Amino acid sequence: MAKPNYSFEKRQRDIAKKKKKEEKRQRKAGTEPETEETTSPEQSEAIKNIVWPTQDKTE
């Protein structure tokens, strides 16, 4: 039977903690973490050009 590699597991936990802490720090600073899920410049421009319907309060 293989011997567990505790140092590898500890390192993975530490890396996960650092990543989570960095994301939280960026969230509190008001910046978006750099991920692949952020919108591209073309998508951002398209979102700005959306015309939302207004609700008229005529009674």
Protein backbone atom coordinates (compact mmCIF):
# COMPACT_ATOMS: atom_id res chain seq x y z
CA MET A 1 0.00 0.00 0.00
CA ALA A 2 1.24 3.51 -0.85
CA LYS A 3 2.30 5.90 1.87
CA PRO A 4 0.23 9.15 2.03
CA ASN A 5 2.11 12.26 0.96
CA TYR A 6 1.10 14.70 3.69
CA SER A 7 3.44 17.46 2.55
CA PHE A 8 1.74 17.52 -0.88
CA GLU A 9 -1.71 17.72 0.71
CA LYS A 10 -0.57 20.53 3.03
CA ARG A 11 0.90 22.46 0.10
CA GLN A 12 -2.36 22.12 -1.86
CA ARG A 13 -4.35 23.41 1.13
CA ASP A 14 -1.96 26.36 1.52
CA ILE A 15 -2.25 27.23 -2.17
CA ALA A 16 -6.06 27.10 -1.95
CA LYS A 17 -6.03 29.34 1.15
CA LYS A 18 -3.75 31.89 -0.53
CA LYS A 19 -5.95 31.95 -3.64
CA LYS A 20 -9.12 32.45 -1.60
CA LYS A 21 -7.49 35.16 0.50
CA GLU A 22 -6.27 37.00 -2.62
CA GLU A 23 -9.74 36.85 -4.21
CA LYS A 24 -11.27 38.23 -1.01
CA ARG A 25 -8.70 41.02 -0.87
CA GLN A 26 -9.45 41.98 -4.48
CA ARG A 27 -13.20 41.87 -3.82
CA LYS A 28 -12.82 44.21 -0.86
CA ALA A 29 -10.59 46.52 -2.92
CA GLY A 30 -13.37 46.78 -5.51
CA THR A 31 -11.48 45.12 -8.33
CA GLU A 32 -12.52 42.01 -10.17
CA PRO A 33 -10.14 39.04 -9.88
CA GLU A 34 -8.40 38.20 -13.12
CA THR A 35 -10.23 35.16 -14.45
CA GLU A 36 -11.19 33.85 -17.84
CA GLU A 37 -14.84 34.50 -17.01
CA THR A 38 -14.59 38.28 -17.26
CA THR A 39 -16.24 39.97 -20.21
CA SER A 40 -14.28 40.89 -23.28
CA PRO A 41 -14.20 44.51 -24.54
CA GLU A 42 -16.68 43.59 -27.29
CA GLN A 43 -19.10 42.14 -24.75
CA SER A 44 -18.73 45.17 -22.50
CA GLU A 45 -19.53 47.49 -25.41
CA ALA A 46 -22.58 45.41 -26.35
CA ILE A 47 -23.85 45.51 -22.76
CA LYS A 48 -23.52 49.31 -22.68
CA ASN A 49 -25.62 49.61 -25.85
CA ILE A 50 -28.59 47.64 -24.52
CA VAL A 51 -31.74 49.76 -24.39
CA TRP A 52 -33.82 48.78 -21.40
CA PRO A 53 -37.56 49.46 -21.42
CA THR A 54 -38.65 52.18 -19.10
CA GLN A 55 -41.66 51.98 -16.83
CA ASP A 56 -43.98 54.93 -17.37
CA LYS A 57 -46.07 55.85 -14.37
CA THR A 58 -49.01 57.38 -16.18
CA GLU A 59 -52.32 56.85 -14.46
